[in-house]
Amino acid sequence: MKVSIIIINYNTFDLTSNCIRSIIEQTRGVNYEIILVDNLSMEVNPEKFIKDFPSIILIKNSINEGFARGNNLGIQRATGEFILLLNSDTYLKEDTISKSIAYIEQQPTAGVLGCRMTFPDGTIQYTARYFKSIRWELLDLFRFIPLFMSYHRRSRLMLGKYFKCDENIECDWVNGAFFLFRKEILYQLPHQKLDDRFFMYGEDQLWCEQIKKLGYKIIFYSASTIIHINSGSTNLSKQLALRKTMMKHELELMRFRKGRGVYYYFFAAIYVTKEAARNFFKSIFLRLTGRLVR
């Protein structure tokens, strides 16, 4: 088997079905298996997936253990040379999986590959990023400075929202909604599995950090695009809770990277202040307009 595609389902039957259907319809150039891990969904009996898609492997989790542990459960059943973690709220419009595998196979030092993603309306998602740093936060805070640079220089210095996702590039981490990696890497990681310390959010950064430390490259692949719905909740309290979780995990990642020295505390002061201000203005905008700013 060339690739094992692992999808986590938690009360998203329609989205997950569309994702599976798009894989079956679009993937032609590679042997694959689909492993669906249901994290104790109550919306629809997960056995319905087998009825609709008899070729998939269904794993019914007895509890909702989160994204990382759910993927590790699926990986235990995986037989592929490559593992693709694919979000249930994505769908394929072309044979992205075959193209991505063909490209990563040409890069012997590449450990992880992420592809280009857009929202359903065609808006680009910023899926190729550098790890956060004091320099990055300051340049983003005083963003008129990068805007004075040429696009070529600015995009390579910053990535993220400063990069149009218009070329293949090495980066620090890629979005976990499409996370393709060589299965052999697992045997070099602690406990021979993906780190599952986070229930949700931040896992992709953590995994890329650990895989980079093994000497592998993280690659963003621009030549194929998938749709990532990623609509999010417009409930203000849920949004704020999500932002707090993401901030907490970002600080944990920085401690993992730099320890608790002067650098960490200086970074934390800049980052927390900037994000708190950003969240405040996002909440005001949401209250006034009913629209969520991504």
C-alpha atoms as a PDB file:
ATOM      1  CA  MET A   1       0.000   0.000   0.000  1.00  0.00           C
ATOM      2  CA  LYS A   2       1.364   3.429  -0.931  1.00  0.00           C
ATOM      3  CA  VAL A   3      -0.640   5.724   1.337  1.00  0.00           C
ATOM      4  CA  SER A   4      -2.957   5.376   4.322  1.00  0.00           C
ATOM      5  CA  ILE A   5      -5.425   8.271   4.544  1.00  0.00           C
ATOM      6  CA  ILE A   6      -6.625   8.890   8.082  1.00  0.00           C
ATOM      7  CA  ILE A   7      -9.719  10.979   8.763  1.00  0.00           C
ATOM      8  CA  ILE A   8     -11.129  11.846  12.194  1.00  0.00           C
ATOM      9  CA  ASN A   9     -14.905  12.154  12.447  1.00  0.00           C
ATOM     10  CA  TYR A  10     -16.662  13.850  15.318  1.00  0.00           C
ATOM     11  CA  ASN A  11     -20.297  14.698  14.593  1.00  0.00           C
ATOM     12  CA  THR A  12     -19.544  15.811  11.043  1.00  0.00           C
ATOM     13  CA  PHE A  13     -21.197  13.035   9.043  1.00  0.00           C
ATOM     14  CA  ASP A  14     -22.027  15.083   5.946  1.00  0.00           C
ATOM     15  CA  LEU A  15     -18.648  16.817   5.777  1.00  0.00           C
ATOM     16  CA  THR A  16     -16.782  13.566   6.343  1.00  0.00           C
ATOM     17  CA  SER A  17     -18.853  11.792   3.690  1.00  0.00           C
ATOM     18  CA  ASN A  18     -18.077  14.544   1.186  1.00  0.00           C
ATOM     19  CA  CYS A  19     -14.385  14.240   2.018  1.00  0.00           C
ATOM     20  CA  ILE A  20     -14.359  10.460   1.509  1.00  0.00           C
ATOM     21  CA  ARG A  21     -16.382  10.754  -1.675  1.00  0.00           C
ATOM     22  CA  SER A  22     -13.945  13.294  -3.111  1.00  0.00           C
ATOM     23  CA  ILE A  23     -10.999  10.974  -2.402  1.00  0.00           C
ATOM     24  CA  ILE A  24     -12.687   8.098  -4.188  1.00  0.00           C
ATOM     25  CA  GLU A  25     -13.686  10.275  -7.141  1.00  0.00           C
ATOM     26  CA  GLN A  26     -10.400  12.130  -7.595  1.00  0.00           C
ATOM     27  CA  THR A  27      -7.601   9.751  -6.579  1.00  0.00           C
ATOM     28  CA  ARG A  28      -6.423   7.634  -9.487  1.00  0.00           C
ATOM     29  CA  GLY A  29      -2.643   7.423  -9.574  1.00  0.00           C
ATOM     30  CA  VAL A  30      -1.856   5.698  -6.286  1.00  0.00           C
ATOM     31  CA  ASN A  31      -2.936   2.750  -4.148  1.00  0.00           C
ATOM     32  CA  TYR A  32      -4.577   3.957  -0.962  1.00  0.00           C
ATOM     33  CA  GLU A  33      -6.656   2.930   2.005  1.00  0.00           C
ATOM     34  CA  ILE A  34      -9.022   5.154   3.964  1.00  0.00           C
ATOM     35  CA  ILE A  35      -9.050   4.724   7.733  1.00  0.00           C
ATOM     36  CA  LEU A  36     -11.884   6.569   9.437  1.00  0.00           C
ATOM     37  CA  VAL A  37     -11.644   7.072  13.198  1.00  0.00           C
ATOM     38  CA  ASP A  38     -14.933   8.044  14.819  1.00  0.00           C
ATOM     39  CA  ASN A  39     -14.434   9.841  18.127  1.00  0.00           C
ATOM     40  CA  LEU A  40     -17.693   8.740  19.759  1.00  0.00           C
ATOM     41  CA  SER A  41     -19.995  10.762  17.500  1.00  0.00           C
ATOM     42  CA  MET A  42     -23.610  11.017  18.604  1.00  0.00           C
ATOM     43  CA  GLU A  43     -24.970  12.705  15.463  1.00  0.00           C
ATOM     44  CA  VAL A  44     -25.177   9.599  13.246  1.00  0.00           C
ATOM     45  CA  ASN A  45     -24.383   5.944  13.867  1.00  0.00           C
ATOM     46  CA  PRO A  46     -20.855   5.611  12.414  1.00  0.00           C
ATOM     47  CA  GLU A  47     -21.810   2.246  10.907  1.00  0.00           C
ATOM     48  CA  LYS A  48     -23.566   4.293   8.223  1.00  0.00           C
ATOM     49  CA  PHE A  49     -20.131   5.157   6.851  1.00  0.00           C
ATOM     50  CA  ILE A  50     -19.546   1.473   6.127  1.00  0.00           C
ATOM     51  CA  LYS A  51     -22.912   1.231   4.423  1.00  0.00           C
ATOM     52  CA  ASP A  52     -22.130   4.207   2.188  1.00  0.00           C
ATOM     53  CA  PHE A  53     -18.410   3.444   1.701  1.00  0.00           C
ATOM     54  CA  PRO A  54     -17.835  -0.304   2.174  1.00  0.00           C
ATOM     55  CA  SER A  55     -14.149  -0.127   1.222  1.00  0.00           C
ATOM     56  CA  ILE A  56     -13.080   2.042   4.176  1.00  0.00           C
ATOM     57  CA  ILE A  57     -11.703   0.843   7.506  1.00  0.00           C
ATOM     58  CA  LEU A  58     -13.817   2.136  10.390  1.00  0.00           C
ATOM     59  CA  ILE A  59     -12.445   2.454  13.913  1.00  0.00           C
ATOM     60  CA  LYS A  60     -14.994   3.369  16.566  1.00  0.00           C
ATOM     61  CA  ASN A  61     -13.348   5.060  19.509  1.00  0.00           C
ATOM     62  CA  SER A  62     -15.036   4.499  22.871  1.00  0.00           C
ATOM     63  CA  ILE A  63     -14.225   8.068  23.974  1.00  0.00           C
ATOM     64  CA  ASN A  64     -13.389  11.347  22.270  1.00  0.00           C
ATOM     65  CA  GLU A  65      -9.620  11.522  22.762  1.00  0.00           C
ATOM     66  CA  GLY A  66      -9.025  14.468  20.461  1.00  0.00           C
ATOM     67  CA  PHE A  67      -7.316  14.917  17.124  1.00  0.00           C
ATOM     68  CA  ALA A  68      -3.810  13.631  17.827  1.00  0.00           C
ATOM     69  CA  ARG A  69      -4.800  10.503  19.749  1.00  0.00           C
ATOM     70  CA  GLY A  70      -7.479   9.716  17.199  1.00  0.00           C
ATOM     71  CA  ASN A  71      -4.872   9.874  14.431  1.00  0.00           C
ATOM     72  CA  ASN A  72      -2.494   7.657  16.407  1.00  0.00           C
ATOM     73  CA  LEU A  73      -5.292   5.120  16.741  1.00  0.00           C
ATOM     74  CA  GLY A  74      -5.739   5.151  12.964  1.00  0.00           C
ATOM     75  CA  ILE A  75      -1.995   4.932  12.371  1.00  0.00           C
ATOM     76  CA  GLN A  76      -1.902   1.653  14.299  1.00  0.00           C
ATOM     77  CA  ARG A  77      -3.993   0.123  11.494  1.00  0.00           C
ATOM     78  CA  ALA A  78      -2.155   1.859   8.655  1.00  0.00           C
ATOM     79  CA  THR A  79      -0.235  -0.257   6.146  1.00  0.00           C
ATOM     80  CA  GLY A  80       0.860   2.523   3.793  1.00  0.00           C
ATOM     81  CA  GLU A  81       4.383   3.675   3.071  1.00  0.00           C
ATOM     82  CA  PHE A  82       3.039   7.191   3.585  1.00  0.00           C
ATOM     83  CA  ILE A  83       0.488   8.527   6.049  1.00  0.00           C
ATOM     84  CA  LEU A  84      -1.887  11.327   5.098  1.00  0.00           C
ATOM     85  CA  LEU A  85      -3.802  13.035   7.896  1.00  0.00           C
ATOM     86  CA  LEU A  86      -6.777  14.682   6.214  1.00  0.00           C
ATOM     87  CA  ASN A  87      -9.359  16.859   7.963  1.00  0.00           C
ATOM     88  CA  SER A  88     -12.984  15.850   7.621  1.00  0.00           C
ATOM     89  CA  ASP A  89     -13.876  19.387   6.483  1.00  0.00           C
ATOM     90  CA  THR A  90     -11.710  19.188   3.367  1.00  0.00           C
ATOM     91  CA  TYR A  91     -12.464  17.888  -0.084  1.00  0.00           C
ATOM     92  CA  LEU A  92     -10.435  17.245  -3.225  1.00  0.00           C
ATOM     93  CA  LYS A  93     -11.031  18.850  -6.610  1.00  0.00           C
ATOM     94  CA  GLU A  94      -8.199  17.023  -8.377  1.00  0.00           C
ATOM     95  CA  ASP A  95      -5.811  14.117  -7.803  1.00  0.00           C
ATOM     96  CA  THR A  96      -3.934  16.010  -5.092  1.00  0.00           C
ATOM     97  CA  ILE A  97      -2.865  12.895  -3.223  1.00  0.00           C
ATOM     98  CA  SER A  98      -1.051  11.302  -6.174  1.00  0.00           C
ATOM     99  CA  LYS A  99       0.603  14.603  -7.114  1.00  0.00           C
ATOM    100  CA  SER A 100       1.744  15.213  -3.548  1.00  0.00           C
ATOM    101  CA  ILE A 101       3.243  11.744  -3.169  1.00  0.00           C
ATOM    102  CA  ALA A 102       5.004  12.022  -6.515  1.00  0.00           C
ATOM    103  CA  TYR A 103       6.559  15.297  -5.397  1.00  0.00           C
ATOM    104  CA  ILE A 104       7.659  14.192  -1.920  1.00  0.00           C
ATOM    105  CA  GLU A 105       9.232  11.060  -3.393  1.00  0.00           C
ATOM    106  CA  GLN A 106      11.472  13.356  -5.455  1.00  0.00           C
ATOM    107  CA  GLN A 107      12.648  15.024  -2.220  1.00  0.00           C
ATOM    108  CA  PRO A 108      14.562  12.370  -0.244  1.00  0.00           C
ATOM    109  CA  THR A 109      15.152  14.694   2.731  1.00  0.00           C
ATOM    110  CA  ALA A 110      11.496  15.800   2.944  1.00  0.00           C
ATOM    111  CA  GLY A 111       9.655  14.398   5.931  1.00  0.00           C
ATOM    112  CA  VAL A 112       6.343  16.256   5.752  1.00  0.00           C
ATOM    113  CA  LEU A 113       4.410  17.822   2.898  1.00  0.00           C
ATOM    114  CA  GLY A 114       1.460  20.186   3.052  1.00  0.00           C
ATOM    115  CA  CYS A 115      -0.447  21.384   0.004  1.00  0.00           C
ATOM    116  CA  ARG A 116      -2.133  24.595  -1.082  1.00  0.00           C
ATOM    117  CA  MET A 117      -5.576  25.178   0.504  1.00  0.00           C
ATOM    118  CA  THR A 118      -8.396  27.589  -0.131  1.00  0.00           C
ATOM    119  CA  PHE A 119     -11.731  28.351   1.458  1.00  0.00           C
ATOM    120  CA  PRO A 120     -14.760  27.374  -0.682  1.00  0.00           C
ATOM    121  CA  ASP A 121     -14.906  30.949  -2.062  1.00  0.00           C
ATOM    122  CA  GLY A 122     -11.355  30.613  -3.389  1.00  0.00           C
ATOM    123  CA  THR A 123      -9.645  32.690  -0.690  1.00  0.00           C
ATOM    124  CA  ILE A 124      -6.153  31.418   0.060  1.00  0.00           C
ATOM    125  CA  GLN A 125      -5.417  29.862   3.436  1.00  0.00           C
ATOM    126  CA  TYR A 126      -1.992  30.555   4.884  1.00  0.00           C
ATOM    127  CA  THR A 127      -0.761  27.015   5.321  1.00  0.00           C
ATOM    128  CA  ALA A 128       3.023  27.487   5.003  1.00  0.00           C
ATOM    129  CA  ARG A 129       4.538  29.142   8.060  1.00  0.00           C
ATOM    130  CA  TYR A 130       7.625  29.785  10.107  1.00  0.00           C
ATOM    131  CA  PHE A 131       7.685  29.117  13.819  1.00  0.00           C
ATOM    132  CA  LYS A 132       6.885  32.226  15.808  1.00  0.00           C
ATOM    133  CA  SER A 133       9.784  34.333  17.044  1.00  0.00           C
ATOM    134  CA  ILE A 134      10.351  37.758  18.537  1.00  0.00           C
ATOM    135  CA  ARG A 135      11.467  39.051  15.146  1.00  0.00           C
ATOM    136  CA  TRP A 136       8.390  37.701  13.403  1.00  0.00           C
ATOM    137  CA  GLU A 137       6.027  39.159  16.008  1.00  0.00           C
ATOM    138  CA  LEU A 138       7.664  42.595  15.859  1.00  0.00           C
ATOM    139  CA  LEU A 139       7.643  42.692  12.057  1.00  0.00           C
ATOM    140  CA  ASP A 140       3.999  41.629  12.062  1.00  0.00           C
ATOM    141  CA  LEU A 141       3.164  44.241  14.696  1.00  0.00           C
ATOM    142  CA  PHE A 142       4.885  46.970  12.682  1.00  0.00           C
ATOM    143  CA  ARG A 143       3.778  45.504   9.392  1.00  0.00           C
ATOM    144  CA  PHE A 144       4.505  48.671   7.425  1.00  0.00           C
ATOM    145  CA  ILE A 145       8.152  47.525   7.531  1.00  0.00           C
ATOM    146  CA  PRO A 146       7.607  44.281   5.551  1.00  0.00           C
ATOM    147  CA  LEU A 147       5.272  46.147   3.199  1.00  0.00           C
ATOM    148  CA  PHE A 148       8.184  48.339   2.120  1.00  0.00           C
ATOM    149  CA  MET A 149      10.032  45.225   0.967  1.00  0.00           C
ATOM    150  CA  SER A 150       9.645  43.523  -2.386  1.00  0.00           C
ATOM    151  CA  TYR A 151       7.126  40.671  -2.400  1.00  0.00           C
ATOM    152  CA  HIS A 152       9.932  38.163  -3.008  1.00  0.00           C
ATOM    153  CA  ARG A 153      11.888  39.288   0.049  1.00  0.00           C
ATOM    154  CA  ARG A 154       8.833  39.817   2.260  1.00  0.00           C
ATOM    155  CA  SER A 155       7.292  36.423   1.492  1.00  0.00           C
ATOM    156  CA  ARG A 156      10.493  34.520   2.241  1.00  0.00           C
ATOM    157  CA  LEU A 157      11.147  36.476   5.391  1.00  0.00           C
ATOM    158  CA  MET A 158       7.644  36.061   6.837  1.00  0.00           C
ATOM    159  CA  LEU A 159       5.606  33.366   5.028  1.00  0.00           C
ATOM    160  CA  GLY A 160       2.111  32.994   6.548  1.00  0.00           C
ATOM    161  CA  LYS A 161      -0.213  35.784   5.414  1.00  0.00           C
ATOM    162  CA  TYR A 162       2.676  37.496   3.626  1.00  0.00           C
ATOM    163  CA  PHE A 163       3.078  34.548   1.232  1.00  0.00           C
ATOM    164  CA  LYS A 164       0.654  33.922  -1.649  1.00  0.00           C
ATOM    165  CA  CYS A 165       1.231  30.149  -1.640  1.00  0.00           C
ATOM    166  CA  ASP A 166       2.323  30.466  -5.251  1.00  0.00           C
ATOM    167  CA  GLU A 167       5.453  28.305  -5.246  1.00  0.00           C
ATOM    168  CA  ASN A 168       6.952  25.253  -3.593  1.00  0.00           C
ATOM    169  CA  ILE A 169       8.999  26.237  -0.571  1.00  0.00           C
ATOM    170  CA  GLU A 170      10.651  24.836   2.532  1.00  0.00           C
ATOM    171  CA  CYS A 171       9.081  26.127   5.746  1.00  0.00           C
ATOM    172  CA  ASP A 172       8.920  25.347   9.467  1.00  0.00           C
ATOM    173  CA  TRP A 173       5.421  23.898   9.605  1.00  0.00           C
ATOM    174  CA  VAL A 174       2.343  23.232   7.509  1.00  0.00           C
ATOM    175  CA  ASN A 175      -1.344  23.084   8.368  1.00  0.00           C
ATOM    176  CA  GLY A 176      -2.427  19.710   9.763  1.00  0.00           C
ATOM    177  CA  ALA A 177      -5.570  19.630   7.627  1.00  0.00           C
ATOM    178  CA  PHE A 178      -3.446  17.972   4.900  1.00  0.00           C
ATOM    179  CA  PHE A 179      -0.399  16.447   6.554  1.00  0.00           C
ATOM    180  CA  LEU A 180       1.505  13.925   4.435  1.00  0.00           C
ATOM    181  CA  PHE A 181       4.545  12.199   5.912  1.00  0.00           C
ATOM    182  CA  ARG A 182       6.682   9.112   5.570  1.00  0.00           C
ATOM    183  CA  LYS A 183       5.559   6.384   7.937  1.00  0.00           C
ATOM    184  CA  GLU A 184       9.163   5.450   8.733  1.00  0.00           C
ATOM    185  CA  ILE A 185       9.504   8.746  10.615  1.00  0.00           C
ATOM    186  CA  LEU A 186       7.198   7.441  13.348  1.00  0.00           C
ATOM    187  CA  TYR A 187       9.799   4.934  14.468  1.00  0.00           C
ATOM    188  CA  GLN A 188      12.242   7.778  15.153  1.00  0.00           C
ATOM    189  CA  LEU A 189       9.821   9.800  17.285  1.00  0.00           C
ATOM    190  CA  PRO A 190       9.372   9.515  21.082  1.00  0.00           C
ATOM    191  CA  HIS A 191       7.178   6.493  21.837  1.00  0.00           C
ATOM    192  CA  GLN A 192       7.103   5.801  18.063  1.00  0.00           C
ATOM    193  CA  LYS A 193       3.931   7.821  17.529  1.00  0.00           C
ATOM    194  CA  LEU A 194       2.758  11.370  16.972  1.00  0.00           C
ATOM    195  CA  ASP A 195       2.986  13.533  20.081  1.00  0.00           C
ATOM    196  CA  ASP A 196      -0.516  13.706  21.549  1.00  0.00           C
ATOM    197  CA  ARG A 197      -0.027  16.094  24.480  1.00  0.00           C
ATOM    198  CA  PHE A 198      -2.502  18.562  22.904  1.00  0.00           C
ATOM    199  CA  PHE A 199      -6.160  17.552  22.677  1.00  0.00           C
ATOM    200  CA  MET A 200      -6.608  19.845  19.678  1.00  0.00           C
ATOM    201  CA  TYR A 201      -4.786  22.769  17.982  1.00  0.00           C
ATOM    202  CA  GLY A 202      -1.027  23.168  17.782  1.00  0.00           C
ATOM    203  CA  GLU A 203      -0.270  19.519  17.055  1.00  0.00           C
ATOM    204  CA  ASP A 204       0.888  20.268  13.519  1.00  0.00           C
ATOM    205  CA  GLN A 205       3.502  22.726  14.787  1.00  0.00           C
ATOM    206  CA  LEU A 206       4.693  20.330  17.458  1.00  0.00           C
ATOM    207  CA  TRP A 207       5.015  17.445  15.021  1.00  0.00           C
ATOM    208  CA  CYS A 208       6.907  19.551  12.492  1.00  0.00           C
ATOM    209  CA  GLU A 209       9.253  20.782  15.235  1.00  0.00           C
ATOM    210  CA  GLN A 210      10.056  17.226  16.261  1.00  0.00           C
ATOM    211  CA  ILE A 211      10.401  15.975  12.685  1.00  0.00           C
ATOM    212  CA  LYS A 212      12.713  18.870  11.748  1.00  0.00           C
ATOM    213  CA  LYS A 213      14.917  17.979  14.720  1.00  0.00           C
ATOM    214  CA  LEU A 214      15.329  14.534  13.171  1.00  0.00           C
ATOM    215  CA  GLY A 215      16.879  16.215  10.131  1.00  0.00           C
ATOM    216  CA  TYR A 216      13.909  16.150   7.758  1.00  0.00           C
ATOM    217  CA  LYS A 217      12.563  19.096   5.770  1.00  0.00           C
ATOM    218  CA  ILE A 218       9.013  20.436   5.896  1.00  0.00           C
ATOM    219  CA  ILE A 219       7.757  21.195   2.400  1.00  0.00           C
ATOM    220  CA  PHE A 220       4.878  23.331   1.168  1.00  0.00           C
ATOM    221  CA  TYR A 221       3.634  22.086  -2.225  1.00  0.00           C
ATOM    222  CA  SER A 222       1.824  24.685  -4.316  1.00  0.00           C
ATOM    223  CA  ALA A 223       1.006  22.734  -7.477  1.00  0.00           C
ATOM    224  CA  SER A 224      -2.245  21.197  -6.210  1.00  0.00           C
ATOM    225  CA  THR A 225      -5.081  22.707  -4.192  1.00  0.00           C
ATOM    226  CA  ILE A 226      -7.714  21.292  -1.869  1.00  0.00           C
ATOM    227  CA  ILE A 227     -10.729  22.993  -0.351  1.00  0.00           C
ATOM    228  CA  HIS A 228     -10.655  23.424   3.425  1.00  0.00           C
ATOM    229  CA  ILE A 229     -13.995  24.668   4.725  1.00  0.00           C
ATOM    230  CA  ASN A 230     -12.739  25.593   8.211  1.00  0.00           C
ATOM    231  CA  SER A 231     -15.810  27.755   8.803  1.00  0.00           C
ATOM    232  CA  GLY A 232     -15.443  28.003  12.575  1.00  0.00           C
ATOM    233  CA  SER A 233     -18.097  29.003  15.052  1.00  0.00           C
ATOM    234  CA  THR A 234     -19.512  32.543  15.127  1.00  0.00           C
ATOM    235  CA  ASN A 235     -20.336  32.098  18.818  1.00  0.00           C
ATOM    236  CA  LEU A 236     -18.210  34.727  20.555  1.00  0.00           C
ATOM    237  CA  SER A 237     -17.549  32.732  23.734  1.00  0.00           C
ATOM    238  CA  LYS A 238     -16.435  29.715  21.703  1.00  0.00           C
ATOM    239  CA  GLN A 239     -14.178  31.893  19.578  1.00  0.00           C
ATOM    240  CA  LEU A 240     -12.535  33.442  22.620  1.00  0.00           C
ATOM    241  CA  ALA A 241     -12.083  30.035  24.253  1.00  0.00           C
ATOM    242  CA  LEU A 242     -10.481  28.745  21.057  1.00  0.00           C
ATOM    243  CA  ARG A 243      -8.132  31.718  20.875  1.00  0.00           C
ATOM    244  CA  LYS A 244      -7.098  31.201  24.504  1.00  0.00           C
ATOM    245  CA  THR A 245      -6.333  27.544  23.825  1.00  0.00           C
ATOM    246  CA  MET A 246      -4.262  28.446  20.773  1.00  0.00           C
ATOM    247  CA  MET A 247      -2.346  31.098  22.732  1.00  0.00           C
ATOM    248  CA  LYS A 248      -1.656  28.638  25.535  1.00  0.00           C
ATOM    249  CA  HIS A 249      -0.342  26.038  23.108  1.00  0.00           C
ATOM    250  CA  GLU A 250       1.766  28.637  21.284  1.00  0.00           C
ATOM    251  CA  LEU A 251       3.464  29.525  24.555  1.00  0.00           C
ATOM    252  CA  GLU A 252       4.001  25.849  25.352  1.00  0.00           C
ATOM    253  CA  LEU A 253       5.626  25.413  21.937  1.00  0.00           C
ATOM    254  CA  MET A 254       7.919  28.364  22.581  1.00  0.00           C
ATOM    255  CA  ARG A 255       8.949  26.849  25.938  1.00  0.00           C
ATOM    256  CA  PHE A 256       9.616  23.585  24.133  1.00  0.00           C
ATOM    257  CA  ARG A 257      11.809  25.486  21.659  1.00  0.00           C
ATOM    258  CA  LYS A 258      13.596  28.027  23.876  1.00  0.00           C
ATOM    259  CA  GLY A 259      13.066  27.041  27.510  1.00  0.00           C
ATOM    260  CA  ARG A 260      11.980  29.549  30.172  1.00  0.00           C
ATOM    261  CA  GLY A 261      14.745  32.100  29.700  1.00  0.00           C
ATOM    262  CA  VAL A 262      14.727  35.799  28.852  1.00  0.00           C
ATOM    263  CA  TYR A 263      13.817  35.095  25.228  1.00  0.00           C
ATOM    264  CA  TYR A 264      10.652  33.242  26.236  1.00  0.00           C
ATOM    265  CA  TYR A 265       9.397  35.967  28.559  1.00  0.00           C
ATOM    266  CA  PHE A 266      10.118  38.736  26.061  1.00  0.00           C
ATOM    267  CA  PHE A 267       8.304  36.785  23.349  1.00  0.00           C
ATOM    268  CA  ALA A 268       5.364  36.026  25.661  1.00  0.00           C
ATOM    269  CA  ALA A 269       4.942  39.717  26.552  1.00  0.00           C
ATOM    270  CA  ILE A 270       4.818  40.759  22.888  1.00  0.00           C
ATOM    271  CA  TYR A 271       2.704  37.845  21.703  1.00  0.00           C
ATOM    272  CA  VAL A 272       0.094  37.882  24.472  1.00  0.00           C
ATOM    273  CA  THR A 273      -0.354  41.665  24.286  1.00  0.00           C
ATOM    274  CA  LYS A 274      -0.716  41.584  20.509  1.00  0.00           C
ATOM    275  CA  GLU A 275      -3.151  38.662  20.516  1.00  0.00           C
ATOM    276  CA  ALA A 276      -5.234  40.122  23.350  1.00  0.00           C
ATOM    277  CA  ALA A 277      -5.635  43.366  21.399  1.00  0.00           C
ATOM    278  CA  ARG A 278      -6.461  41.441  18.243  1.00  0.00           C
ATOM    279  CA  ASN A 279      -9.089  39.346  20.012  1.00  0.00           C
ATOM    280  CA  PHE A 280     -10.621  42.469  21.539  1.00  0.00           C
ATOM    281  CA  PHE A 281     -11.075  44.147  18.160  1.00  0.00           C
ATOM    282  CA  LYS A 282     -12.348  40.907  16.589  1.00  0.00           C
ATOM    283  CA  SER A 283     -14.972  40.596  19.322  1.00  0.00           C
ATOM    284  CA  ILE A 284     -16.089  44.225  18.826  1.00  0.00           C
ATOM    285  CA  PHE A 285     -16.358  43.689  15.068  1.00  0.00           C
ATOM    286  CA  LEU A 286     -18.332  40.487  15.561  1.00  0.00           C
ATOM    287  CA  ARG A 287     -20.766  42.182  17.948  1.00  0.00           C
ATOM    288  CA  LEU A 288     -21.297  45.115  15.581  1.00  0.00           C
ATOM    289  CA  THR A 289     -21.559  43.249  12.297  1.00  0.00           C
ATOM    290  CA  GLY A 290     -22.230  39.609  13.153  1.00  0.00           C
ATOM    291  CA  ARG A 291     -19.270  38.711  10.936  1.00  0.00           C
ATOM    292  CA  LEU A 292     -16.258  36.727  12.081  1.00  0.00           C
ATOM    293  CA  VAL A 293     -12.849  38.028  10.999  1.00  0.00           C
ATOM    294  CA  ARG A 294     -10.549  35.102  10.303  1.00  0.00           C
END
